[in-house]
C-alpha atoms as a PDB file:
ATOM      1  CA  MET A   1      56.461 105.147 202.393  1.00  0.00           C
ATOM      2  CA  ASN A   2      57.522 108.598 203.708  1.00  0.00           C
ATOM      3  CA  LEU A   3      56.201 111.063 207.065  1.00  0.00           C
ATOM      4  CA  ARG A   4      54.111 113.320 204.559  1.00  0.00           C
ATOM      5  CA  GLN A   5      51.872 110.229 203.695  1.00  0.00           C
ATOM      6  CA  LEU A   6      51.776 109.235 207.251  1.00  0.00           C
ATOM      7  CA  GLN A   7      50.964 112.507 208.470  1.00  0.00           C
ATOM      8  CA  THR A   8      48.683 113.329 205.910  1.00  0.00           C
ATOM      9  CA  LEU A   9      46.211 110.106 206.838  1.00  0.00           C
ATOM     10  CA  CYS A  10      46.675 111.004 210.374  1.00  0.00           C
ATOM     11  CA  GLN A  11      45.070 114.729 209.165  1.00  0.00           C
ATOM     12  CA  VAL A  12      42.515 112.746 207.356  1.00  0.00           C
ATOM     13  CA  VAL A  13      41.362 110.477 210.087  1.00  0.00           C
ATOM     14  CA  ASP A  14      41.652 113.637 212.683  1.00  0.00           C
ATOM     15  CA  ARG A  15      39.008 115.862 211.007  1.00  0.00           C
ATOM     16  CA  GLY A  16      36.144 112.856 210.327  1.00  0.00           C
ATOM     17  CA  LEU A  17      37.698 111.691 207.034  1.00  0.00           C
ATOM     18  CA  LYS A  18      36.644 114.892 205.237  1.00  0.00           C
ATOM     19  CA  VAL A  19      39.330 115.486 202.714  1.00  0.00           C
ATOM     20  CA  THR A  20      38.499 118.994 202.295  1.00  0.00           C
ATOM     21  CA  ASP A  21      39.211 119.824 206.175  1.00  0.00           C
ATOM     22  CA  ALA A  22      42.490 118.026 206.083  1.00  0.00           C
ATOM     23  CA  ALA A  23      43.953 119.667 202.931  1.00  0.00           C
ATOM     24  CA  HIS A  24      43.048 123.230 204.644  1.00  0.00           C
ATOM     25  CA  ALA A  25      44.807 121.540 207.625  1.00  0.00           C
ATOM     26  CA  THR A  26      48.030 121.122 206.209  1.00  0.00           C
ATOM     27  CA  TYR A  27      47.504 124.066 203.249  1.00  0.00           C
ATOM     28  CA  ARG A  28      47.795 121.865 200.456  1.00  0.00           C
ATOM     29  CA  SER A  29      45.001 120.985 197.536  1.00  0.00           C
ATOM     30  CA  GLN A  30      42.487 118.726 198.156  1.00  0.00           C
ATOM     31  CA  SER A  31      43.942 116.143 194.909  1.00  0.00           C
ATOM     32  CA  SER A  32      46.945 116.676 197.031  1.00  0.00           C
ATOM     33  CA  VAL A  33      46.294 114.647 200.079  1.00  0.00           C
ATOM     34  CA  THR A  34      44.308 112.424 198.224  1.00  0.00           C
ATOM     35  CA  ARG A  35      47.171 111.091 196.061  1.00  0.00           C
ATOM     36  CA  GLN A  36      49.229 110.723 199.314  1.00  0.00           C
ATOM     37  CA  VAL A  37      47.026 108.797 200.781  1.00  0.00           C
ATOM     38  CA  GLN A  38      46.456 106.416 197.589  1.00  0.00           C
ATOM     39  CA  LEU A  39      49.775 106.067 197.009  1.00  0.00           C
ATOM     40  CA  LEU A  40      50.351 104.837 200.530  1.00  0.00           C
ATOM     41  CA  GLU A  41      47.609 102.681 200.008  1.00  0.00           C
ATOM     42  CA  ARG A  42      48.987 101.287 197.098  1.00  0.00           C
ATOM     43  CA  GLU A  43      52.365 101.016 198.564  1.00  0.00           C
ATOM     44  CA  LEU A  44      50.725  98.823 201.101  1.00  0.00           C
ATOM     45  CA  GLY A  45      48.559  97.046 199.151  1.00  0.00           C
ATOM     46  CA  PHE A  46      45.310  97.378 200.508  1.00  0.00           C
ATOM     47  CA  ALA A  47      42.556  99.879 200.856  1.00  0.00           C
ATOM     48  CA  LEU A  48      42.687 101.887 203.985  1.00  0.00           C
ATOM     49  CA  PHE A  49      39.244 103.253 203.770  1.00  0.00           C
ATOM     50  CA  VAL A  50      35.839 102.287 202.441  1.00  0.00           C
ATOM     51  CA  ARG A  51      34.503 104.315 200.125  1.00  0.00           C
ATOM     52  CA  ASN A  52      31.669 105.583 198.246  1.00  0.00           C
ATOM     53  CA  ARG A  53      33.116 106.860 194.948  1.00  0.00           C
ATOM     54  CA  ASN A  54      35.227 109.751 196.262  1.00  0.00           C
ATOM     55  CA  ARG A  55      33.801 110.026 199.350  1.00  0.00           C
ATOM     56  CA  LEU A  56      35.397 107.879 202.503  1.00  0.00           C
ATOM     57  CA  LEU A  57      32.797 106.332 204.762  1.00  0.00           C
ATOM     58  CA  ARG A  58      35.033 104.479 207.115  1.00  0.00           C
ATOM     59  CA  MET A  59      38.360 103.389 207.720  1.00  0.00           C
ATOM     60  CA  THR A  60      38.934  99.668 206.888  1.00  0.00           C
ATOM     61  CA  PRO A  61      40.231  97.318 209.980  1.00  0.00           C
ATOM     62  CA  GLN A  62      43.486  97.706 208.722  1.00  0.00           C
ATOM     63  CA  GLY A  63      43.755 101.164 208.285  1.00  0.00           C
ATOM     64  CA  GLU A  64      42.815 101.303 211.675  1.00  0.00           C
ATOM     65  CA  GLN A  65      45.954  99.266 212.655  1.00  0.00           C
ATOM     66  CA  ILE A  66      48.199 101.225 210.393  1.00  0.00           C
ATOM     67  CA  VAL A  67      46.624 104.778 211.470  1.00  0.00           C
ATOM     68  CA  SER A  68      47.937 103.546 215.130  1.00  0.00           C
ATOM     69  CA  ILE A  69      51.458 102.541 214.242  1.00  0.00           C
ATOM     70  CA  ALA A  70      52.126 105.788 211.903  1.00  0.00           C
ATOM     71  CA  ARG A  71      51.088 107.783 214.764  1.00  0.00           C
ATOM     72  CA  ARG A  72      53.911 106.165 217.038  1.00  0.00           C
ATOM     73  CA  MET A  73      56.066 106.634 213.790  1.00  0.00           C
ATOM     74  CA  LEU A  74      55.281 110.027 213.681  1.00  0.00           C
ATOM     75  CA  GLN A  75      55.613 110.367 217.491  1.00  0.00           C
ATOM     76  CA  ASP A  76      59.012 108.676 217.557  1.00  0.00           C
ATOM     77  CA  ALA A  77      59.909 111.313 214.371  1.00  0.00           C
ATOM     78  CA  GLU A  78      59.356 114.074 216.671  1.00  0.00           C
ATOM     79  CA  ASN A  79      61.177 112.449 219.681  1.00  0.00           C
ATOM     80  CA  MET A  80      63.944 112.890 217.342  1.00  0.00           C
ATOM     81  CA  VAL A  81      63.434 116.404 216.239  1.00  0.00           C
ATOM     82  CA  ARG A  82      63.147 117.606 219.870  1.00  0.00           C
ATOM     83  CA  ILE A  83      66.294 115.452 221.103  1.00  0.00           C
ATOM     84  CA  GLY A  84      68.285 117.454 218.375  1.00  0.00           C
ATOM     85  CA  LYS A  85      66.707 120.873 219.901  1.00  0.00           C
ATOM     86  CA  ASP A  86      67.413 120.391 223.028  1.00  0.00           C
ATOM     87  CA  ALA A  87      70.973 119.721 221.970  1.00  0.00           C
ATOM     88  CA  THR A  88      71.207 123.001 220.310  1.00  0.00           C
ATOM     89  CA  HIS A  89      68.681 125.236 221.054  1.00  0.00           C
ATOM     90  CA  THR A  90      67.683 124.684 225.127  1.00  0.00           C
ATOM     91  CA  ALA A  91      65.705 127.600 225.207  1.00  0.00           C
ATOM     92  CA  GLU A  92      63.897 128.160 222.142  1.00  0.00           C
ATOM     93  CA  GLY A  93      60.856 126.294 221.327  1.00  0.00           C
ATOM     94  CA  GLU A  94      56.994 125.606 221.547  1.00  0.00           C
ATOM     95  CA  PHE A  95      55.059 124.203 224.794  1.00  0.00           C
ATOM     96  CA  SER A  96      51.366 123.413 224.177  1.00  0.00           C
ATOM     97  CA  ILE A  97      49.223 122.798 227.504  1.00  0.00           C
ATOM     98  CA  ALA A  98      45.788 121.609 227.552  1.00  0.00           C
ATOM     99  CA  THR A  99      43.450 122.244 230.855  1.00  0.00           C
ATOM    100  CA  THR A 100      40.282 123.192 231.583  1.00  0.00           C
ATOM    101  CA  HIS A 101      38.963 126.735 232.758  1.00  0.00           C
ATOM    102  CA  THR A 102      39.495 126.504 236.168  1.00  0.00           C
ATOM    103  CA  HIS A 103      42.974 125.383 236.112  1.00  0.00           C
ATOM    104  CA  ALA A 104      44.213 127.817 233.677  1.00  0.00           C
ATOM    105  CA  ARG A 105      42.146 130.537 235.306  1.00  0.00           C
ATOM    106  CA  TYR A 106      43.224 129.779 239.293  1.00  0.00           C
ATOM    107  CA  VAL A 107      45.938 127.299 239.273  1.00  0.00           C
ATOM    108  CA  LEU A 108      48.503 128.211 236.613  1.00  0.00           C
ATOM    109  CA  PRO A 109      48.535 131.901 236.303  1.00  0.00           C
ATOM    110  CA  PRO A 110      51.645 132.426 238.733  1.00  0.00           C
ATOM    111  CA  VAL A 111      53.831 129.230 237.167  1.00  0.00           C
ATOM    112  CA  VAL A 112      53.179 130.490 233.747  1.00  0.00           C
ATOM    113  CA  ARG A 113      54.754 134.352 234.965  1.00  0.00           C
ATOM    114  CA  GLN A 114      57.543 132.402 236.167  1.00  0.00           C
ATOM    115  CA  PHE A 115      57.861 130.187 233.227  1.00  0.00           C
ATOM    116  CA  VAL A 116      57.770 133.208 230.861  1.00  0.00           C
ATOM    117  CA  GLY A 117      60.225 135.411 232.886  1.00  0.00           C
ATOM    118  CA  ARG A 118      62.553 131.780 232.444  1.00  0.00           C
ATOM    119  CA  TYR A 119      61.888 131.342 228.781  1.00  0.00           C
ATOM    120  CA  PRO A 120      61.077 133.954 226.374  1.00  0.00           C
ATOM    121  CA  GLN A 121      62.079 132.451 223.743  1.00  0.00           C
ATOM    122  CA  VAL A 122      59.202 129.583 224.476  1.00  0.00           C
ATOM    123  CA  LYS A 123      56.102 130.015 222.292  1.00  0.00           C
ATOM    124  CA  LEU A 124      53.339 129.309 225.468  1.00  0.00           C
ATOM    125  CA  ALA A 125      49.936 128.218 224.261  1.00  0.00           C
ATOM    126  CA  ILE A 126      47.370 127.056 226.990  1.00  0.00           C
ATOM    127  CA  ARG A 127      44.178 125.331 225.078  1.00  0.00           C
ATOM    128  CA  GLN A 128      41.139 125.083 227.140  1.00  0.00           C
ATOM    129  CA  GLY A 129      38.297 122.526 227.247  1.00  0.00           C
ATOM    130  CA  SER A 130      36.176 119.663 228.576  1.00  0.00           C
ATOM    131  CA  PRO A 131      38.687 117.325 230.291  1.00  0.00           C
ATOM    132  CA  GLU A 132      37.676 114.799 227.407  1.00  0.00           C
ATOM    133  CA  GLN A 133      38.940 117.330 224.969  1.00  0.00           C
ATOM    134  CA  CYS A 134      41.790 118.104 226.943  1.00  0.00           C
ATOM    135  CA  TYR A 135      43.165 114.147 226.841  1.00  0.00           C
ATOM    136  CA  GLU A 136      42.289 113.909 222.857  1.00  0.00           C
ATOM    137  CA  LEU A 137      44.607 116.996 222.392  1.00  0.00           C
ATOM    138  CA  VAL A 138      47.508 115.077 224.157  1.00  0.00           C
ATOM    139  CA  ALA A 139      46.696 111.810 222.601  1.00  0.00           C
ATOM    140  CA  LEU A 140      46.581 113.503 218.708  1.00  0.00           C
ATOM    141  CA  GLY A 141      49.926 115.044 219.621  1.00  0.00           C
ATOM    142  CA  LYS A 142      48.210 118.597 219.541  1.00  0.00           C
ATOM    143  CA  ALA A 143      49.439 119.565 223.145  1.00  0.00           C
ATOM    144  CA  ASP A 144      52.478 118.266 224.954  1.00  0.00           C
ATOM    145  CA  LEU A 145      50.713 117.750 228.516  1.00  0.00           C
ATOM    146  CA  ALA A 146      47.204 117.884 229.731  1.00  0.00           C
ATOM    147  CA  ILE A 147      46.588 119.396 233.520  1.00  0.00           C
ATOM    148  CA  CYS A 148      43.100 117.713 234.986  1.00  0.00           C
ATOM    149  CA  ALA A 149      41.779 116.449 237.758  1.00  0.00           C
ATOM    150  CA  ASP A 150      40.811 113.159 238.346  1.00  0.00           C
ATOM    151  CA  PRO A 151      41.510 112.382 234.831  1.00  0.00           C
ATOM    152  CA  MET A 152      38.612 109.404 233.571  1.00  0.00           C
ATOM    153  CA  ASN A 153      38.584 106.705 230.764  1.00  0.00           C
ATOM    154  CA  ILE A 154      41.660 108.370 229.432  1.00  0.00           C
ATOM    155  CA  PRO A 155      43.525 106.572 226.015  1.00  0.00           C
ATOM    156  CA  GLY A 156      45.606 103.833 226.962  1.00  0.00           C
ATOM    157  CA  ASP A 157      48.734 105.734 225.178  1.00  0.00           C
ATOM    158  CA  LEU A 158      48.914 108.268 227.947  1.00  0.00           C
ATOM    159  CA  VAL A 159      50.200 108.283 231.422  1.00  0.00           C
ATOM    160  CA  GLN A 160      49.191 110.034 234.553  1.00  0.00           C
ATOM    161  CA  VAL A 161      51.123 111.749 237.091  1.00  0.00           C
ATOM    162  CA  PRO A 162      49.123 112.958 240.402  1.00  0.00           C
ATOM    163  CA  CYS A 163      50.634 116.608 241.581  1.00  0.00           C
ATOM    164  CA  TYR A 164      48.287 117.890 244.364  1.00  0.00           C
ATOM    165  CA  ARG A 165      44.848 116.820 246.303  1.00  0.00           C
ATOM    166  CA  LEU A 166      41.942 119.703 245.615  1.00  0.00           C
ATOM    167  CA  PHE A 167      39.795 120.070 248.570  1.00  0.00           C
ATOM    168  CA  ARG A 168      36.163 121.597 248.317  1.00  0.00           C
ATOM    169  CA  SER A 169      34.040 124.135 249.631  1.00  0.00           C
ATOM    170  CA  VAL A 170      30.465 125.200 249.247  1.00  0.00           C
ATOM    171  CA  ILE A 171      29.623 128.805 247.859  1.00  0.00           C
ATOM    172  CA  THR A 172      26.951 130.828 248.954  1.00  0.00           C
ATOM    173  CA  PRO A 173      25.445 134.269 249.129  1.00  0.00           C
ATOM    174  CA  PRO A 174      26.000 136.355 252.165  1.00  0.00           C
ATOM    175  CA  LYS A 175      23.433 135.602 255.015  1.00  0.00           C
ATOM    176  CA  HIS A 176      22.636 132.145 253.495  1.00  0.00           C
ATOM    177  CA  PRO A 177      21.157 129.903 256.056  1.00  0.00           C
ATOM    178  CA  LEU A 178      23.985 127.483 255.473  1.00  0.00           C
ATOM    179  CA  LEU A 179      26.480 129.979 256.675  1.00  0.00           C
ATOM    180  CA  ARG A 180      24.632 129.139 260.413  1.00  0.00           C
ATOM    181  CA  THR A 181      24.408 125.524 260.321  1.00  0.00           C
ATOM    182  CA  LYS A 182      27.113 123.864 262.788  1.00  0.00           C
ATOM    183  CA  PRO A 183      28.099 121.344 261.908  1.00  0.00           C
ATOM    184  CA  LEU A 184      27.524 121.344 258.337  1.00  0.00           C
ATOM    185  CA  THR A 185      26.168 118.337 256.736  1.00  0.00           C
ATOM    186  CA  LEU A 186      24.821 116.638 253.174  1.00  0.00           C
ATOM    187  CA  GLU A 187      21.309 116.770 254.601  1.00  0.00           C
ATOM    188  CA  ALA A 188      21.427 120.027 254.968  1.00  0.00           C
ATOM    189  CA  LEU A 189      23.454 120.789 251.527  1.00  0.00           C
ATOM    190  CA  ALA A 190      20.303 118.755 249.691  1.00  0.00           C
ATOM    191  CA  ARG A 191      17.694 121.464 251.091  1.00  0.00           C
ATOM    192  CA  TYR A 192      18.861 123.742 248.611  1.00  0.00           C
ATOM    193  CA  PRO A 193      18.805 124.197 244.601  1.00  0.00           C
ATOM    194  CA  LEU A 194      22.527 123.611 243.390  1.00  0.00           C
ATOM    195  CA  ILE A 195      25.183 125.196 240.519  1.00  0.00           C
ATOM    196  CA  THR A 196      27.482 122.302 239.366  1.00  0.00           C
ATOM    197  CA  TYR A 197      29.881 121.734 236.863  1.00  0.00           C
ATOM    198  CA  GLY A 198      28.810 120.008 233.876  1.00  0.00           C
ATOM    199  CA  GLU A 199      28.702 116.267 232.855  1.00  0.00           C
ATOM    200  CA  GLY A 200      32.147 114.978 231.842  1.00  0.00           C
ATOM    201  CA  TYR A 201      33.721 117.173 234.603  1.00  0.00           C
ATOM    202  CA  SER A 202      35.138 115.322 238.103  1.00  0.00           C
ATOM    203  CA  GLY A 203      34.084 117.944 239.932  1.00  0.00           C
ATOM    204  CA  ARG A 204      30.592 116.727 238.953  1.00  0.00           C
ATOM    205  CA  TRP A 205      30.450 113.449 239.343  1.00  0.00           C
ATOM    206  CA  ILE A 206      32.288 113.252 242.926  1.00  0.00           C
ATOM    207  CA  VAL A 207      29.518 115.885 244.101  1.00  0.00           C
ATOM    208  CA  THR A 208      26.780 113.405 243.194  1.00  0.00           C
ATOM    209  CA  ARG A 209      27.769 110.651 243.979  1.00  0.00           C
ATOM    210  CA  THR A 210      28.252 111.819 247.304  1.00  0.00           C
ATOM    211  CA  PHE A 211      25.050 112.772 247.846  1.00  0.00           C
ATOM    212  CA  ALA A 212      24.032 109.436 246.295  1.00  0.00           C
ATOM    213  CA  GLU A 213      26.092 107.282 248.801  1.00  0.00           C
ATOM    214  CA  LYS A 214      23.839 109.138 251.173  1.00  0.00           C
ATOM    215  CA  GLY A 215      20.428 108.375 249.561  1.00  0.00           C
ATOM    216  CA  LEU A 216      20.402 111.902 248.739  1.00  0.00           C
ATOM    217  CA  THR A 217      19.538 113.518 245.683  1.00  0.00           C
ATOM    218  CA  PRO A 218      20.169 117.080 244.902  1.00  0.00           C
ATOM    219  CA  ARG A 219      18.551 119.512 243.098  1.00  0.00           C
ATOM    220  CA  ILE A 220      21.110 120.868 240.155  1.00  0.00           C
ATOM    221  CA  VAL A 221      18.885 124.131 239.232  1.00  0.00           C
ATOM    222  CA  LEU A 222      22.088 125.127 236.886  1.00  0.00           C
ATOM    223  CA  SER A 223      25.224 123.766 235.099  1.00  0.00           C
ATOM    224  CA  ALA A 224      28.055 125.727 234.065  1.00  0.00           C
ATOM    225  CA  MET A 225      31.762 124.819 232.450  1.00  0.00           C
ATOM    226  CA  ASP A 226      33.557 127.186 234.921  1.00  0.00           C
ATOM    227  CA  ALA A 227      33.854 127.746 238.227  1.00  0.00           C
ATOM    228  CA  ASP A 228      33.618 132.103 237.459  1.00  0.00           C
ATOM    229  CA  VAL A 229      29.966 131.639 235.738  1.00  0.00           C
ATOM    230  CA  SER A 230      28.720 129.585 238.853  1.00  0.00           C
ATOM    231  CA  LYS A 231      29.562 132.350 241.005  1.00  0.00           C
ATOM    232  CA  VAL A 232      27.939 134.807 238.953  1.00  0.00           C
ATOM    233  CA  TYR A 233      24.838 132.739 239.466  1.00  0.00           C
ATOM    234  CA  VAL A 234      25.700 131.957 243.179  1.00  0.00           C
ATOM    235  CA  GLY A 235      25.729 136.042 243.406  1.00  0.00           C
ATOM    236  CA  MET A 236      22.253 136.728 241.619  1.00  0.00           C
ATOM    237  CA  GLY A 237      20.805 133.942 244.317  1.00  0.00           C
ATOM    238  CA  LEU A 238      20.055 130.757 241.926  1.00  0.00           C
ATOM    239  CA  GLY A 239      21.441 128.356 244.222  1.00  0.00           C
ATOM    240  CA  ILE A 240      24.734 127.290 246.172  1.00  0.00           C
ATOM    241  CA  ALA A 241      27.650 125.737 244.474  1.00  0.00           C
ATOM    242  CA  ILE A 242      30.640 123.383 245.118  1.00  0.00           C
ATOM    243  CA  PHE A 243      33.548 123.411 244.123  1.00  0.00           C
ATOM    244  CA  VAL A 244      37.528 123.548 244.584  1.00  0.00           C
ATOM    245  CA  THR A 245      38.704 125.884 247.244  1.00  0.00           C
ATOM    246  CA  VAL A 246      41.554 127.130 244.983  1.00  0.00           C
ATOM    247  CA  ALA A 247      38.443 128.665 242.401  1.00  0.00           C
ATOM    248  CA  PHE A 248      37.017 131.140 245.312  1.00  0.00           C
ATOM    249  CA  GLU A 249      39.039 134.214 245.672  1.00  0.00           C
ATOM    250  CA  PRO A 250      37.973 136.137 249.476  1.00  0.00           C
ATOM    251  CA  LYS A 251      39.295 139.451 247.397  1.00  0.00           C
ATOM    252  CA  GLN A 252      37.535 138.989 244.162  1.00  0.00           C
ATOM    253  CA  ASP A 253      34.662 137.038 245.386  1.00  0.00           C
ATOM    254  CA  SER A 254      33.913 139.578 248.602  1.00  0.00           C
ATOM    255  CA  TYR A 255      30.313 139.783 247.004  1.00  0.00           C
ATOM    256  CA  LEU A 256      30.076 135.336 248.560  1.00  0.00           C
ATOM    257  CA  ARG A 257      30.691 133.381 251.389  1.00  0.00           C
ATOM    258  CA  ARG A 258      32.723 130.317 251.693  1.00  0.00           C
ATOM    259  CA  ILE A 259      32.203 126.806 253.808  1.00  0.00           C
ATOM    260  CA  ASP A 260      34.911 124.519 254.226  1.00  0.00           C
ATOM    261  CA  ALA A 261      33.651 121.239 252.896  1.00  0.00           C
ATOM    262  CA  ARG A 262      36.383 119.054 253.113  1.00  0.00           C
ATOM    263  CA  HIS A 263      34.590 116.548 255.595  1.00  0.00           C
ATOM    264  CA  LEU A 264      32.173 115.930 253.446  1.00  0.00           C
ATOM    265  CA  PHE A 265      33.481 115.510 249.827  1.00  0.00           C
ATOM    266  CA  LYS A 266      36.628 113.265 248.999  1.00  0.00           C
ATOM    267  CA  PRO A 267      39.715 115.341 247.397  1.00  0.00           C
ATOM    268  CA  SER A 268      40.405 115.309 243.952  1.00  0.00           C
ATOM    269  CA  HIS A 269      43.381 114.190 242.380  1.00  0.00           C
ATOM    270  CA  LEU A 270      45.298 117.582 240.151  1.00  0.00           C
ATOM    271  CA  GLU A 271      46.914 115.269 237.675  1.00  0.00           C
ATOM    272  CA  LEU A 272      49.747 115.573 234.798  1.00  0.00           C
ATOM    273  CA  ILE A 273      48.371 113.684 231.426  1.00  0.00           C
ATOM    274  CA  MET A 274      50.944 112.813 228.689  1.00  0.00           C
ATOM    275  CA  ARG A 275      51.875 110.331 226.133  1.00  0.00           C
ATOM    276  CA  ARG A 276      53.850 107.547 226.317  1.00  0.00           C
ATOM    277  CA  GLN A 277      57.479 107.361 225.536  1.00  0.00           C
ATOM    278  CA  SER A 278      57.359 111.618 224.000  1.00  0.00           C
ATOM    279  CA  HIS A 279      60.192 113.102 224.758  1.00  0.00           C
ATOM    280  CA  LEU A 280      59.903 116.550 226.866  1.00  0.00           C
ATOM    281  CA  ARG A 281      61.949 119.525 226.282  1.00  0.00           C
ATOM    282  CA  THR A 282      64.510 120.155 229.167  1.00  0.00           C
ATOM    283  CA  TYR A 283      62.005 123.447 229.501  1.00  0.00           C
ATOM    284  CA  MET A 284      59.016 121.564 229.417  1.00  0.00           C
ATOM    285  CA  TYR A 285      60.496 119.247 232.175  1.00  0.00           C
ATOM    286  CA  ASP A 286      61.295 123.048 234.090  1.00  0.00           C
ATOM    287  CA  PHE A 287      57.914 123.761 233.901  1.00  0.00           C
ATOM    288  CA  VAL A 288      56.518 120.940 235.734  1.00  0.00           C
ATOM    289  CA  GLN A 289      58.746 120.947 238.432  1.00  0.00           C
ATOM    290  CA  MET A 290      58.008 125.089 238.768  1.00  0.00           C
ATOM    291  CA  PHE A 291      54.135 123.726 238.944  1.00  0.00           C
ATOM    292  CA  ALA A 292      54.388 120.717 241.137  1.00  0.00           C
ATOM    293  CA  PRO A 293      57.803 121.009 243.137  1.00  0.00           C
ATOM    294  CA  LYS A 294      57.594 117.546 244.616  1.00  0.00           C
ATOM    295  CA  VAL A 295      57.329 116.003 240.910  1.00  0.00           C
ATOM    296  CA  GLY A 296      61.371 115.265 239.693  1.00  0.00           C
ATOM    297  CA  ARG A 297      62.496 114.678 236.327  1.00  0.00           C
ATOM    298  CA  PRO A 298      62.719 111.238 237.226  1.00  0.00           C
ATOM    299  CA  ASP A 299      59.025 110.308 238.341  1.00  0.00           C
ATOM    300  CA  VAL A 300      57.810 111.966 234.709  1.00  0.00           C
ATOM    301  CA  GLU A 301      60.247 109.919 232.748  1.00  0.00           C
ATOM    302  CA  GLU A 302      59.547 106.510 234.574  1.00  0.00           C
ATOM    303  CA  ALA A 303      55.377 107.545 234.007  1.00  0.00           C
ATOM    304  CA  LEU A 304      56.451 108.260 230.315  1.00  0.00           C
ATOM    305  CA  PHE A 305      58.726 105.135 229.629  1.00  0.00           C
ATOM    306  CA  SER A 306      57.978 102.228 232.544  1.00  0.00           C
ATOM    307  CA  LYS A 307      56.032  99.537 230.478  1.00  0.00           C
ATOM    308  CA  GLY A 308      53.800  98.915 233.291  1.00  0.00           C
ATOM    309  CA  PRO A 309      51.340 101.100 234.839  1.00  0.00           C
ATOM    310  CA  VAL A 310      52.894 103.597 237.246  1.00  0.00           C
ATOM    311  CA  GLN A 311      51.267 103.456 240.877  1.00  0.00           C
ATOM    312  CA  THR A 312      51.956 107.055 242.395  1.00  0.00           C
ATOM    313  CA  PRO A 313      50.091 107.192 246.137  1.00  0.00           C
ATOM    314  CA  ARG A 314      47.704 110.172 245.718  1.00  0.00           C
ATOM    315  CA  GLY A 315      47.088 110.176 249.417  1.00  0.00           C
ATOM    316  CA  TYR A 316      51.073 111.621 250.258  1.00  0.00           C
ATOM    317  CA  LEU A 317      50.191 114.893 247.835  1.00  0.00           C
ATOM    318  CA  PRO A 318      50.353 118.254 249.178  1.00  0.00           C
ATOM    319  CA  GLU A 319      47.207 120.774 249.218  1.00  0.00           C
ATOM    320  CA  LEU A 320      46.728 122.538 246.502  1.00  0.00           C
END
């Protein structure tokens, strides 16, 4: 048994049991991938997959257990490599961050500029996706950390560290009747068509749940993946939008108007998501410090290496 076999196994699983795709991902032939899996099965003494001739149909129960162990072994191997590189090449390496469009566009730019200025030899990659996609990238070791708001149903091998509170605003066209509504209420908002985030985003369920608690059902006319798209359609007069205040830029969005709605909707919590027991390079900890000065390295290490859940008070987080 060797790491190459374990890596091959995980690649096959990550690509939906498609050996051809795993071969492309690892720059090897299909026969080489198949042989690595067969050698591992022979050494273990049992089948990892249920097959129909040469086609992999599903994993066996034992195979699922082996994949879980293999991921931990590969993570430990990567941790050893990182520790060695931290001792010899402290300012060189790679760093992958998974996040949604809103945070990549409105939260991270000044942090990225500062980080790149300090670590020009680090290859930084920002991978955008839905919250669920971001969690998956971290869980599979394809991203070092994720930055998401109010993570829901994250896998058990991931940990989260709250960093900021995010409040919401209502975005309207100029001269919209809501601009003259004092005080702003949920009942007033429910009278107008709503443009909101798609399913799977915390911004969607927080807004709809708040309306539901008041017995109201907003008329959602459009769902979008990010605030920039929502603003375009608000400007066209198709409806109003409700999203985090940080995504509204007064100069850039001068054709729109903003109404503070923090009194109507509970704040979101922007959090770091990481793999449990993973070793972060020193420059990764520095990035966290640049991004969230209130979060220190001991806070992150406690979350990563604690055996139980880490309870971080969210009520005292700074506002972004």
